[in-house]
Every structure is written in structure tokens, then in C-alpha cells.
Amino acid sequence: MVFPIAVVEGPIISVLSGFLVSTGVFNLYIVFLVLVFGDLVGDSIYYFIGRYGGRKAIKHVGRYIGVTEKRVSALEKHFNKHDWKILLFGKTQAMGSVILFTAGLSLVSFSRFVFYNIVGTVPKVILLMIVGFYFGRAYLLINTYLGYFAIVWLLVSFGLLALYFYFKKYITKKNFSDIEK
């Protein structure tokens, strides 16, 4: 069950898996391997889309988003010169899918792509699992306080909304009464 989610959304499931390891639901070593493999499969999908469909996509959509053939060539040159730095940087970003797509588009060798992805994925998964393992236990306490906060925020919001409509009605009545005089 973890693998398909890890392919699509690795960071969230890594934190959740760390929490479930802390409760004894998951085995640490097995879930770690599944998460790393799932992340690599997801990253490889972006890579292959870029490698085998990137040029077509850019020809069809590029003009609408300001991507020209000249810019793509410059990007490829830069990417091929600094591929390992860019790939490792991409592992830390929310928009890393663009970098993975660009790696395929730039024809980075798949073995090099996988190597640097493993180098970036392993510490990321370890860190996120540690967060889930140690801070996941605080979930129940945090959830309780968030529940209280949500109730207070809801009451304050309704109060402010009521005041808004009251003053809007009051000001409108006052403005009309001033016009009639």
C-alpha cells in the first residue's frame, strides 16, 4: 500500500511511514526500501516523459509559456555541465519534477540519473522518516490543540462576520437617512 503513494507523493508518505514505524505497524528496513524504490520509480517517470515526450510537448505548448528552442538548447547545455548539482538540488525542492523532466529532456544517461537520485533520495527519506518517527507521536497532542484552535477560530470568524454585516446594515441605514434629510 505504501509503494503506489510513494511513487506519487514521497515526502508525505515518508513522514507517515516514520510515524507508523514508531508505533510498530511497519518494519523500518522494509518500509525504507519501499519508500526509496517508490521515489525512484516516480522520478524515473518524469525522466522518461522528458526524454521521450519533452520535445513534442515543448513544440506544442512552449510558445504559450515562453519556452523556445533556443532556451531549451541553453538549458540543456547548462544541465549537462552541472547535472549532478541540479539533480541533487531538485531533490530538495517542491518543484523537483521540472528538474527531473529536464534531465530526461537533456538526455542525461539513465544510469547517471539513477545514481544521483539515489544519492539524493536516501538522506531525504531518512530525514523525513526521522521526523515522522519522533514528531509523529506528538500528533495526538498537536491534534487536540489544533482542534481547540479551530473551534476558537471558527467562533471568532463568525463573530467578525456578524459584526461586518451589522455595521454594513447600520452604515447603509445611516447613509440613506442622511440622504433623505
Foldseek 3Di string as FASTA:
>chain_A
DLLVCLLVPLLVSLLQVLQCVLVVNDDPVVVLVSNLVSPLNNLVVLLQCLQPPVVVCCVVCVVVVVHDPVNLVVLLVVCVVVVLVLQLVLLPDPVSSVSSSSCNNSVPDPVVSSVSSSVNRNVSSVVSSVCSNVVVVCVVVVVVVVVVVVVVVVVVVVVVVVVVVVVVVVVVVVVVVVVVD
